[in-house]
Amino acid sequence: MTRTARAAREQARLDRRGKVDNLLARHARTSPTEAAHLRALLDAEFAEGDRYRRESGGQQAAVRRAQERLAAAERAIVELEAERDRLARDVEVMHDGINQAAREAFAERKKHRAAQEAIRQRYEQQLAEQARAHAAQLGVRTRTVNVWAQDARESRQEQRRVEALAGVLREQLAAAEAALAERQP
């Protein structure tokens, strides 16, 4: 309710009381005892009405504050839902990125293995030729064994790197999903 409407209502109430006071003053001239008794009854009613009006005003203010808190909570809920939706989209994008990175890593690993296989075959051909040409030389056989051992070590190192990358990606995905779970109501 606006201040103007509240002030108009208060003025109307004061005008009514003024009329009652005027009627009681007239009645007091004709019947003072009854007027005094009536005055006491009316004063008690007026006091009780004023008390109820003050209580009602306090309750109305409390209701307005509760409505404001409710509106603020609803705005916060809308903001949180928007944030949740944004985070869900971010997680989906991140998940897609992780999947794409995994696909690329797998393709790269496959390409690397093919290249390694081609290199290995080329080495094997060269080693076979050298073995035929230098069969008597022990040094040729030792180098061949060393090359194969190095290839095996490099292959294991590559595999460890890919597994480490996959582990990091899984941890990041788990952290993003945990952050999303914390934000959901």
N, C-alpha and C. Protein backbone atom coordinates (compact mmCIF):
# COMPACT_ATOMS: atom_id res chain seq x y z
N MET A 1 0.86 -1.17 0.00
CA MET A 1 0.00 0.00 0.00
C MET A 1 0.91 1.23 0.00
N THR A 2 0.50 2.26 -0.72
CA THR A 2 1.32 3.46 -0.84
C THR A 2 1.15 4.34 0.40
N ARG A 3 2.11 5.23 0.57
CA ARG A 3 2.05 6.14 1.73
C ARG A 3 0.83 7.05 1.64
N THR A 4 0.47 7.47 0.44
CA THR A 4 -0.69 8.36 0.26
C THR A 4 -1.97 7.65 0.67
N ALA A 5 -2.14 6.41 0.25
CA ALA A 5 -3.35 5.65 0.62
C ALA A 5 -3.37 5.39 2.11
N ARG A 6 -2.20 5.08 2.69
CA ARG A 6 -2.12 4.83 4.13
C ARG A 6 -2.47 6.11 4.91
N ALA A 7 -1.96 7.24 4.45
CA ALA A 7 -2.23 8.52 5.12
C ALA A 7 -3.71 8.88 5.01
N ALA A 8 -4.32 8.62 3.86
CA ALA A 8 -5.75 8.91 3.67
C ALA A 8 -6.60 8.03 4.58
N ARG A 9 -6.22 6.76 4.70
CA ARG A 9 -6.96 5.85 5.57
C ARG A 9 -6.83 6.28 7.04
N GLU A 10 -5.62 6.69 7.43
CA GLU A 10 -5.40 7.14 8.82
C GLU A 10 -6.20 8.41 9.10
N GLN A 11 -6.25 9.31 8.12
CA GLN A 11 -7.02 10.55 8.31
C GLN A 11 -8.51 10.24 8.43
N ALA A 12 -9.01 9.30 7.64
CA ALA A 12 -10.43 8.93 7.72
C ALA A 12 -10.74 8.33 9.10
N ARG A 13 -9.80 7.52 9.63
CA ARG A 13 -10.00 6.94 10.96
C ARG A 13 -10.03 8.04 12.02
N LEU A 14 -9.12 9.00 11.93
CA LEU A 14 -9.10 10.12 12.89
C LEU A 14 -10.37 10.96 12.78
N ASP A 15 -10.88 11.15 11.58
CA ASP A 15 -12.14 11.89 11.39
C ASP A 15 -13.31 11.16 12.06
N ARG A 16 -13.35 9.82 11.92
CA ARG A 16 -14.42 9.04 12.57
C ARG A 16 -14.32 9.16 14.08
N ARG A 17 -13.14 9.11 14.61
CA ARG A 17 -12.97 9.24 16.07
C ARG A 17 -13.39 10.63 16.54
N GLY A 18 -13.06 11.62 15.72
CA GLY A 18 -13.48 12.99 16.07
C GLY A 18 -15.00 13.09 16.14
N LYS A 19 -15.70 12.45 15.21
CA LYS A 19 -17.17 12.46 15.22
C LYS A 19 -17.72 11.73 16.44
N VAL A 20 -17.08 10.58 16.79
CA VAL A 20 -17.52 9.84 17.98
C VAL A 20 -17.31 10.71 19.22
N ASP A 21 -16.15 11.39 19.31
CA ASP A 21 -15.88 12.27 20.46
C ASP A 21 -16.93 13.39 20.54
N ASN A 22 -17.31 13.93 19.40
CA ASN A 22 -18.31 14.99 19.34
C ASN A 22 -19.67 14.47 19.83
N LEU A 23 -20.06 13.26 19.37
CA LEU A 23 -21.33 12.67 19.81
C LEU A 23 -21.31 12.39 21.31
N LEU A 24 -20.18 11.89 21.81
CA LEU A 24 -20.09 11.63 23.25
C LEU A 24 -20.16 12.93 24.06
N ALA A 25 -19.58 13.98 23.55
CA ALA A 25 -19.65 15.27 24.25
C ALA A 25 -21.09 15.76 24.33
N ARG A 26 -21.87 15.57 23.27
CA ARG A 26 -23.28 15.95 23.28
C ARG A 26 -24.07 15.09 24.24
N HIS A 27 -23.74 13.77 24.20
CA HIS A 27 -24.45 12.84 25.07
C HIS A 27 -24.12 13.12 26.54
N ALA A 28 -22.91 13.59 26.82
CA ALA A 28 -22.49 13.87 28.19
C ALA A 28 -23.31 15.00 28.79
N ARG A 29 -23.82 15.90 27.96
CA ARG A 29 -24.63 17.01 28.47
C ARG A 29 -25.98 16.52 28.95
N THR A 30 -26.52 15.50 28.30
CA THR A 30 -27.84 15.01 28.70
C THR A 30 -27.74 13.91 29.74
N SER A 31 -26.72 13.03 29.62
CA SER A 31 -26.61 11.90 30.54
C SER A 31 -25.13 11.66 30.83
N PRO A 32 -24.57 12.37 31.81
CA PRO A 32 -23.14 12.31 32.08
C PRO A 32 -22.67 10.92 32.53
N THR A 33 -23.44 10.20 33.31
CA THR A 33 -23.01 8.88 33.80
C THR A 33 -22.92 7.89 32.65
N GLU A 34 -23.97 7.86 31.83
CA GLU A 34 -23.95 6.95 30.69
C GLU A 34 -22.85 7.35 29.71
N ALA A 35 -22.64 8.64 29.53
CA ALA A 35 -21.60 9.11 28.61
C ALA A 35 -20.22 8.69 29.13
N ALA A 36 -20.01 8.77 30.43
CA ALA A 36 -18.72 8.36 31.01
C ALA A 36 -18.51 6.86 30.81
N HIS A 37 -19.59 6.08 31.05
CA HIS A 37 -19.51 4.64 30.87
C HIS A 37 -19.24 4.31 29.39
N LEU A 38 -19.97 4.97 28.50
CA LEU A 38 -19.78 4.78 27.07
C LEU A 38 -18.37 5.21 26.64
N ARG A 39 -17.88 6.31 27.23
CA ARG A 39 -16.54 6.79 26.92
C ARG A 39 -15.50 5.73 27.32
N ALA A 40 -15.68 5.12 28.49
CA ALA A 40 -14.74 4.10 28.96
C ALA A 40 -14.74 2.90 28.00
N LEU A 41 -15.95 2.47 27.61
CA LEU A 41 -16.04 1.35 26.67
C LEU A 41 -15.38 1.67 25.33
N LEU A 42 -15.67 2.86 24.82
CA LEU A 42 -15.10 3.25 23.53
C LEU A 42 -13.58 3.42 23.61
N ASP A 43 -13.09 4.00 24.73
CA ASP A 43 -11.63 4.16 24.87
C ASP A 43 -10.94 2.80 24.89
N ALA A 44 -11.57 1.81 25.56
CA ALA A 44 -11.00 0.45 25.59
C ALA A 44 -10.99 -0.14 24.17
N GLU A 45 -12.08 0.05 23.45
CA GLU A 45 -12.16 -0.46 22.08
C GLU A 45 -11.14 0.24 21.17
N PHE A 46 -11.03 1.57 21.35
CA PHE A 46 -10.05 2.31 20.54
C PHE A 46 -8.63 1.83 20.83
N ALA A 47 -8.32 1.64 22.10
CA ALA A 47 -6.97 1.18 22.49
C ALA A 47 -6.70 -0.20 21.89
N GLU A 48 -7.69 -1.09 22.00
CA GLU A 48 -7.50 -2.43 21.44
C GLU A 48 -7.36 -2.38 19.92
N GLY A 49 -8.16 -1.53 19.27
CA GLY A 49 -8.06 -1.37 17.82
C GLY A 49 -6.69 -0.83 17.41
N ASP A 50 -6.19 0.16 18.18
CA ASP A 50 -4.84 0.70 17.89
C ASP A 50 -3.77 -0.37 18.05
N ARG A 51 -3.91 -1.17 19.13
CA ARG A 51 -2.94 -2.23 19.37
C ARG A 51 -2.96 -3.24 18.21
N TYR A 52 -4.14 -3.65 17.80
CA TYR A 52 -4.25 -4.60 16.68
C TYR A 52 -3.71 -4.00 15.38
N ARG A 53 -3.94 -2.70 15.18
CA ARG A 53 -3.45 -2.04 13.98
C ARG A 53 -1.92 -2.03 13.96
N ARG A 54 -1.30 -1.73 15.13
CA ARG A 54 0.17 -1.75 15.21
C ARG A 54 0.71 -3.17 14.95
N GLU A 55 0.07 -4.18 15.57
CA GLU A 55 0.51 -5.56 15.36
C GLU A 55 0.38 -5.95 13.88
N SER A 56 -0.75 -5.54 13.30
CA SER A 56 -0.98 -5.86 11.90
C SER A 56 0.08 -5.19 11.02
N GLY A 57 0.44 -3.95 11.34
CA GLY A 57 1.48 -3.26 10.58
C GLY A 57 2.80 -3.99 10.68
N GLY A 58 3.14 -4.47 11.88
CA GLY A 58 4.38 -5.23 12.05
C GLY A 58 4.35 -6.53 11.26
N GLN A 59 3.19 -7.17 11.30
CA GLN A 59 3.07 -8.42 10.55
C GLN A 59 3.14 -8.17 9.04
N GLN A 60 2.53 -7.09 8.60
CA GLN A 60 2.61 -6.76 7.18
C GLN A 60 4.05 -6.46 6.76
N ALA A 61 4.78 -5.77 7.63
CA ALA A 61 6.19 -5.49 7.32
C ALA A 61 6.98 -6.80 7.28
N ALA A 62 6.68 -7.72 8.20
CA ALA A 62 7.37 -9.01 8.20
C ALA A 62 7.04 -9.80 6.93
N VAL A 63 5.78 -9.74 6.51
CA VAL A 63 5.38 -10.42 5.27
C VAL A 63 6.11 -9.81 4.08
N ARG A 64 6.20 -8.46 4.05
CA ARG A 64 6.93 -7.81 2.94
C ARG A 64 8.40 -8.23 2.94
N ARG A 65 9.02 -8.28 4.12
CA ARG A 65 10.41 -8.72 4.18
C ARG A 65 10.55 -10.17 3.72
N ALA A 66 9.61 -11.02 4.13
CA ALA A 66 9.65 -12.43 3.71
C ALA A 66 9.46 -12.52 2.20
N GLN A 67 8.55 -11.69 1.65
CA GLN A 67 8.35 -11.70 0.19
C GLN A 67 9.61 -11.24 -0.53
N GLU A 68 10.29 -10.23 0.02
CA GLU A 68 11.54 -9.76 -0.59
C GLU A 68 12.61 -10.84 -0.53
N ARG A 69 12.70 -11.54 0.63
CA ARG A 69 13.68 -12.63 0.75
C ARG A 69 13.33 -13.76 -0.23
N LEU A 70 12.04 -14.05 -0.36
CA LEU A 70 11.62 -15.09 -1.29
C LEU A 70 11.97 -14.71 -2.73
N ALA A 71 11.70 -13.45 -3.08
CA ALA A 71 12.04 -12.99 -4.44
C ALA A 71 13.55 -13.07 -4.67
N ALA A 72 14.34 -12.68 -3.65
CA ALA A 72 15.80 -12.76 -3.78
C ALA A 72 16.24 -14.21 -3.92
N ALA A 73 15.61 -15.11 -3.16
CA ALA A 73 15.96 -16.53 -3.26
C ALA A 73 15.59 -17.08 -4.64
N GLU A 74 14.45 -16.66 -5.16
CA GLU A 74 14.05 -17.12 -6.50
C GLU A 74 15.02 -16.60 -7.56
N ARG A 75 15.45 -15.33 -7.40
CA ARG A 75 16.45 -14.80 -8.34
C ARG A 75 17.75 -15.59 -8.23
N ALA A 76 18.15 -15.91 -7.00
CA ALA A 76 19.38 -16.68 -6.80
C ALA A 76 19.24 -18.07 -7.43
N ILE A 77 18.06 -18.67 -7.30
CA ILE A 77 17.83 -19.99 -7.89
C ILE A 77 17.95 -19.91 -9.41
N VAL A 78 17.35 -18.86 -10.00
CA VAL A 78 17.43 -18.69 -11.45
C VAL A 78 18.89 -18.52 -11.87
N GLU A 79 19.65 -17.71 -11.10
CA GLU A 79 21.07 -17.51 -11.42
C GLU A 79 21.83 -18.82 -11.29
N LEU A 80 21.55 -19.58 -10.22
CA LEU A 80 22.24 -20.85 -10.02
C LEU A 80 21.90 -21.85 -11.13
N GLU A 81 20.64 -21.86 -11.54
CA GLU A 81 20.26 -22.76 -12.63
C GLU A 81 20.97 -22.38 -13.91
N ALA A 82 21.07 -21.06 -14.17
CA ALA A 82 21.80 -20.61 -15.36
C ALA A 82 23.27 -21.00 -15.25
N GLU A 83 23.85 -20.83 -14.07
CA GLU A 83 25.26 -21.22 -13.87
C GLU A 83 25.43 -22.72 -14.04
N ARG A 84 24.48 -23.49 -13.50
CA ARG A 84 24.53 -24.95 -13.64
C ARG A 84 24.47 -25.35 -15.12
N ASP A 85 23.56 -24.70 -15.86
CA ASP A 85 23.44 -25.01 -17.28
C ASP A 85 24.71 -24.65 -18.03
N ARG A 86 25.31 -23.49 -17.67
CA ARG A 86 26.55 -23.08 -18.32
C ARG A 86 27.66 -24.08 -18.00
N LEU A 87 27.73 -24.49 -16.73
CA LEU A 87 28.76 -25.46 -16.35
C LEU A 87 28.52 -26.81 -17.05
N ALA A 88 27.26 -27.19 -17.19
CA ALA A 88 26.97 -28.45 -17.88
C ALA A 88 27.42 -28.36 -19.33
N ARG A 89 27.17 -27.20 -19.96
CA ARG A 89 27.65 -27.03 -21.34
C ARG A 89 29.17 -27.05 -21.39
N ASP A 90 29.81 -26.39 -20.41
CA ASP A 90 31.27 -26.39 -20.36
C ASP A 90 31.82 -27.80 -20.18
N VAL A 91 31.18 -28.57 -19.30
CA VAL A 91 31.62 -29.95 -19.08
C VAL A 91 31.42 -30.77 -20.35
N GLU A 92 30.31 -30.54 -21.03
CA GLU A 92 30.06 -31.28 -22.28
C GLU A 92 31.11 -30.92 -23.32
N VAL A 93 31.42 -29.63 -23.41
CA VAL A 93 32.46 -29.20 -24.35
C VAL A 93 33.81 -29.82 -23.96
N MET A 94 34.10 -29.79 -22.64
CA MET A 94 35.35 -30.37 -22.17
C MET A 94 35.38 -31.87 -22.45
N HIS A 95 34.25 -32.53 -22.22
CA HIS A 95 34.16 -33.97 -22.47
C HIS A 95 34.39 -34.25 -23.96
N ASP A 96 33.75 -33.44 -24.81
CA ASP A 96 33.96 -33.60 -26.25
C ASP A 96 35.43 -33.36 -26.61
N GLY A 97 36.03 -32.35 -25.98
CA GLY A 97 37.44 -32.07 -26.23
C GLY A 97 38.33 -33.22 -25.79
N ILE A 98 38.00 -33.79 -24.64
CA ILE A 98 38.77 -34.93 -24.15
C ILE A 98 38.62 -36.11 -25.10
N ASN A 99 37.39 -36.35 -25.54
CA ASN A 99 37.17 -37.44 -26.50
C ASN A 99 37.95 -37.18 -27.79
N GLN A 100 37.90 -35.94 -28.26
CA GLN A 100 38.64 -35.61 -29.48
C GLN A 100 40.13 -35.79 -29.27
N ALA A 101 40.64 -35.35 -28.12
CA ALA A 101 42.07 -35.51 -27.83
C ALA A 101 42.44 -36.99 -27.75
N ALA A 102 41.55 -37.79 -27.16
CA ALA A 102 41.82 -39.23 -27.08
C ALA A 102 41.83 -39.86 -28.47
N ARG A 103 40.87 -39.44 -29.32
CA ARG A 103 40.85 -39.96 -30.69
C ARG A 103 42.12 -39.56 -31.44
N GLU A 104 42.51 -38.29 -31.26
CA GLU A 104 43.73 -37.82 -31.92
C GLU A 104 44.95 -38.56 -31.39
N ALA A 105 45.00 -38.76 -30.08
CA ALA A 105 46.13 -39.49 -29.49
C ALA A 105 46.17 -40.92 -30.02
N PHE A 106 44.99 -41.56 -30.13
CA PHE A 106 44.94 -42.92 -30.65
C PHE A 106 45.40 -42.96 -32.11
N ALA A 107 44.92 -41.98 -32.90
CA ALA A 107 45.32 -41.92 -34.31
C ALA A 107 46.83 -41.66 -34.42
N GLU A 108 47.33 -40.76 -33.59
CA GLU A 108 48.76 -40.47 -33.59
C GLU A 108 49.56 -41.70 -33.18
N ARG A 109 49.05 -42.40 -32.18
CA ARG A 109 49.74 -43.63 -31.73
C ARG A 109 49.74 -44.67 -32.85
N LYS A 110 48.62 -44.80 -33.53
CA LYS A 110 48.52 -45.75 -34.63
C LYS A 110 49.49 -45.38 -35.75
N LYS A 111 49.51 -44.07 -36.08
CA LYS A 111 50.41 -43.60 -37.11
C LYS A 111 51.88 -43.82 -36.68
N HIS A 112 52.15 -43.56 -35.43
CA HIS A 112 53.50 -43.74 -34.91
C HIS A 112 53.90 -45.22 -34.95
N ARG A 113 52.96 -46.08 -34.58
CA ARG A 113 53.25 -47.51 -34.63
C ARG A 113 53.53 -47.96 -36.07
N ALA A 114 52.74 -47.43 -37.01
CA ALA A 114 52.96 -47.79 -38.42
C ALA A 114 54.34 -47.30 -38.86
N ALA A 115 54.67 -46.07 -38.45
CA ALA A 115 55.99 -45.54 -38.79
C ALA A 115 57.09 -46.38 -38.14
N GLN A 116 56.87 -46.75 -36.90
CA GLN A 116 57.84 -47.60 -36.20
C GLN A 116 57.97 -48.94 -36.91
N GLU A 117 56.84 -49.47 -37.33
CA GLU A 117 56.88 -50.76 -38.03
C GLU A 117 57.64 -50.63 -39.34
N ALA A 118 57.42 -49.54 -40.06
CA ALA A 118 58.15 -49.31 -41.31
C ALA A 118 59.64 -49.17 -41.04
N ILE A 119 59.97 -48.41 -40.00
CA ILE A 119 61.38 -48.24 -39.62
C ILE A 119 61.96 -49.58 -39.21
N ARG A 120 61.20 -50.31 -38.44
CA ARG A 120 61.65 -51.62 -37.97
C ARG A 120 61.91 -52.56 -39.17
N GLN A 121 60.97 -52.55 -40.10
CA GLN A 121 61.16 -53.39 -41.28
C GLN A 121 62.40 -52.96 -42.08
N ARG A 122 62.58 -51.64 -42.20
CA ARG A 122 63.75 -51.15 -42.91
C ARG A 122 65.04 -51.56 -42.18
N TYR A 123 65.00 -51.41 -40.83
CA TYR A 123 66.16 -51.84 -40.03
C TYR A 123 66.41 -53.34 -40.19
N GLU A 124 65.32 -54.07 -40.16
CA GLU A 124 65.48 -55.52 -40.29
C GLU A 124 66.08 -55.89 -41.64
N GLN A 125 65.65 -55.21 -42.69
CA GLN A 125 66.23 -55.46 -44.01
C GLN A 125 67.72 -55.11 -44.03
N GLN A 126 68.02 -53.94 -43.47
CA GLN A 126 69.42 -53.52 -43.42
C GLN A 126 70.25 -54.49 -42.59
N LEU A 127 69.67 -54.90 -41.47
CA LEU A 127 70.40 -55.83 -40.60
C LEU A 127 70.60 -57.19 -41.27
N ALA A 128 69.59 -57.60 -42.00
CA ALA A 128 69.72 -58.88 -42.71
C ALA A 128 70.83 -58.79 -43.75
N GLU A 129 70.86 -57.67 -44.48
CA GLU A 129 71.91 -57.48 -45.48
C GLU A 129 73.28 -57.42 -44.82
N GLN A 130 73.35 -56.71 -43.72
CA GLN A 130 74.63 -56.62 -43.01
C GLN A 130 75.03 -57.96 -42.42
N ALA A 131 74.04 -58.69 -41.95
CA ALA A 131 74.34 -60.00 -41.37
C ALA A 131 74.90 -60.93 -42.43
N ARG A 132 74.33 -60.88 -43.64
CA ARG A 132 74.85 -61.70 -44.73
C ARG A 132 76.26 -61.23 -45.12
N ALA A 133 76.45 -59.91 -45.19
CA ALA A 133 77.73 -59.37 -45.63
C ALA A 133 78.80 -59.50 -44.55
N HIS A 134 78.41 -59.42 -43.33
CA HIS A 134 79.39 -59.42 -42.24
C HIS A 134 79.06 -60.50 -41.22
N ALA A 135 78.65 -61.63 -41.67
CA ALA A 135 78.26 -62.73 -40.79
C ALA A 135 79.36 -63.08 -39.80
N ALA A 136 80.54 -62.89 -40.19
CA ALA A 136 81.65 -63.27 -39.34
C ALA A 136 81.92 -62.24 -38.26
N GLN A 137 81.39 -61.09 -38.45
CA GLN A 137 81.73 -60.03 -37.49
C GLN A 137 80.76 -60.04 -36.32
N LEU A 138 81.26 -60.16 -35.17
CA LEU A 138 80.46 -60.17 -33.95
C LEU A 138 79.86 -58.79 -33.67
N GLY A 139 80.57 -57.75 -34.09
CA GLY A 139 80.09 -56.39 -33.84
C GLY A 139 78.77 -56.09 -34.52
N VAL A 140 78.58 -56.70 -35.72
CA VAL A 140 77.33 -56.47 -36.44
C VAL A 140 76.17 -57.05 -35.64
N ARG A 141 76.37 -58.26 -35.13
CA ARG A 141 75.29 -58.89 -34.34
C ARG A 141 74.99 -58.10 -33.06
N THR A 142 76.01 -57.58 -32.44
CA THR A 142 75.79 -56.80 -31.21
C THR A 142 75.00 -55.54 -31.50
N ARG A 143 75.32 -54.84 -32.59
CA ARG A 143 74.58 -53.62 -32.95
C ARG A 143 73.12 -53.94 -33.25
N THR A 144 72.89 -55.04 -33.94
CA THR A 144 71.52 -55.44 -34.26
C THR A 144 70.72 -55.65 -32.98
N VAL A 145 71.32 -56.35 -32.04
CA VAL A 145 70.63 -56.60 -30.76
C VAL A 145 70.38 -55.28 -30.04
N ASN A 146 71.35 -54.40 -30.06
CA ASN A 146 71.19 -53.09 -29.39
C ASN A 146 70.09 -52.25 -30.04
N VAL A 147 70.01 -52.27 -31.36
CA VAL A 147 68.96 -51.51 -32.05
C VAL A 147 67.59 -52.05 -31.66
N TRP A 148 67.45 -53.36 -31.64
CA TRP A 148 66.16 -53.95 -31.25
C TRP A 148 65.80 -53.60 -29.80
N ALA A 149 66.76 -53.62 -28.93
CA ALA A 149 66.52 -53.28 -27.52
C ALA A 149 66.08 -51.82 -27.39
N GLN A 150 66.73 -50.92 -28.14
CA GLN A 150 66.37 -49.50 -28.10
C GLN A 150 64.94 -49.29 -28.61
N ASP A 151 64.59 -49.97 -29.71
CA ASP A 151 63.22 -49.87 -30.23
C ASP A 151 62.21 -50.33 -29.20
N ALA A 152 62.52 -51.41 -28.50
CA ALA A 152 61.61 -51.93 -27.49
C ALA A 152 61.45 -50.93 -26.35
N ARG A 153 62.57 -50.33 -25.91
CA ARG A 153 62.50 -49.33 -24.84
C ARG A 153 61.68 -48.11 -25.28
N GLU A 154 61.90 -47.63 -26.49
CA GLU A 154 61.15 -46.48 -27.00
C GLU A 154 59.66 -46.81 -27.12
N SER A 155 59.35 -48.00 -27.54
CA SER A 155 57.95 -48.40 -27.65
C SER A 155 57.29 -48.41 -26.27
N ARG A 156 57.99 -48.92 -25.26
CA ARG A 156 57.44 -48.92 -23.90
C ARG A 156 57.30 -47.49 -23.38
N GLN A 157 58.25 -46.63 -23.69
CA GLN A 157 58.16 -45.24 -23.25
C GLN A 157 56.97 -44.54 -23.90
N GLU A 158 56.74 -44.79 -25.18
CA GLU A 158 55.60 -44.21 -25.87
C GLU A 158 54.29 -44.67 -25.23
N GLN A 159 54.25 -45.95 -24.93
CA GLN A 159 53.04 -46.51 -24.33
C GLN A 159 52.80 -45.88 -22.96
N ARG A 160 53.85 -45.68 -22.18
CA ARG A 160 53.71 -45.04 -20.86
C ARG A 160 53.23 -43.60 -21.01
N ARG A 161 53.71 -42.89 -22.01
CA ARG A 161 53.27 -41.50 -22.23
C ARG A 161 51.79 -41.44 -22.56
N VAL A 162 51.33 -42.32 -23.43
CA VAL A 162 49.91 -42.34 -23.81
C VAL A 162 49.06 -42.69 -22.58
N GLU A 163 49.51 -43.65 -21.80
CA GLU A 163 48.76 -44.02 -20.60
C GLU A 163 48.75 -42.87 -19.60
N ALA A 164 49.85 -42.15 -19.46
CA ALA A 164 49.90 -40.99 -18.57
C ALA A 164 48.94 -39.90 -19.04
N LEU A 165 48.90 -39.65 -20.37
CA LEU A 165 47.97 -38.66 -20.92
C LEU A 165 46.52 -39.07 -20.64
N ALA A 166 46.22 -40.33 -20.85
CA ALA A 166 44.86 -40.82 -20.60
C ALA A 166 44.52 -40.65 -19.11
N GLY A 167 45.46 -40.90 -18.22
CA GLY A 167 45.22 -40.73 -16.78
C GLY A 167 44.94 -39.27 -16.44
N VAL A 168 45.70 -38.35 -17.01
CA VAL A 168 45.49 -36.92 -16.76
C VAL A 168 44.12 -36.50 -17.26
N LEU A 169 43.75 -36.98 -18.44
CA LEU A 169 42.44 -36.62 -18.99
C LEU A 169 41.31 -37.16 -18.11
N ARG A 170 41.47 -38.39 -17.61
CA ARG A 170 40.44 -38.96 -16.72
C ARG A 170 40.33 -38.14 -15.44
N GLU A 171 41.43 -37.69 -14.87
CA GLU A 171 41.41 -36.88 -13.65
C GLU A 171 40.72 -35.55 -13.89
N GLN A 172 41.01 -34.92 -15.03
CA GLN A 172 40.37 -33.64 -15.33
C GLN A 172 38.87 -33.81 -15.52
N LEU A 173 38.48 -34.88 -16.17
CA LEU A 173 37.05 -35.15 -16.35
C LEU A 173 36.38 -35.41 -15.01
N ALA A 174 37.01 -36.18 -14.16
CA ALA A 174 36.44 -36.46 -12.84
C ALA A 174 36.31 -35.18 -12.02
N ALA A 175 37.32 -34.30 -12.09
CA ALA A 175 37.26 -33.03 -11.36
C ALA A 175 36.13 -32.15 -11.88
N ALA A 176 35.96 -32.10 -13.20
CA ALA A 176 34.89 -31.29 -13.78
C ALA A 176 33.52 -31.84 -13.39
N GLU A 177 33.37 -33.16 -13.41
CA GLU A 177 32.08 -33.77 -13.02
C GLU A 177 31.82 -33.56 -11.54
N ALA A 178 32.86 -33.58 -10.70
CA ALA A 178 32.68 -33.34 -9.27
C ALA A 178 32.26 -31.89 -9.03
N ALA A 179 32.86 -30.94 -9.77
CA ALA A 179 32.49 -29.53 -9.63
C ALA A 179 31.04 -29.33 -10.04
N LEU A 180 30.61 -30.00 -11.08
CA LEU A 180 29.22 -29.90 -11.53
C LEU A 180 28.28 -30.50 -10.49
N ALA A 181 28.66 -31.62 -9.92
CA ALA A 181 27.82 -32.27 -8.91
C ALA A 181 27.67 -31.37 -7.69
N GLU A 182 28.70 -30.63 -7.30
CA GLU A 182 28.62 -29.74 -6.15
C GLU A 182 27.67 -28.56 -6.41
N ARG A 183 27.58 -28.12 -7.62
CA ARG A 183 26.75 -26.97 -7.95
C ARG A 183 25.29 -27.32 -8.15
N GLN A 184 25.00 -28.61 -8.39
CA GLN A 184 23.61 -29.00 -8.66
C GLN A 184 22.87 -29.04 -7.33
N PRO A 185 21.57 -28.55 -7.35
CA PRO A 185 20.79 -28.53 -6.09
C PRO A 185 20.40 -29.93 -5.68
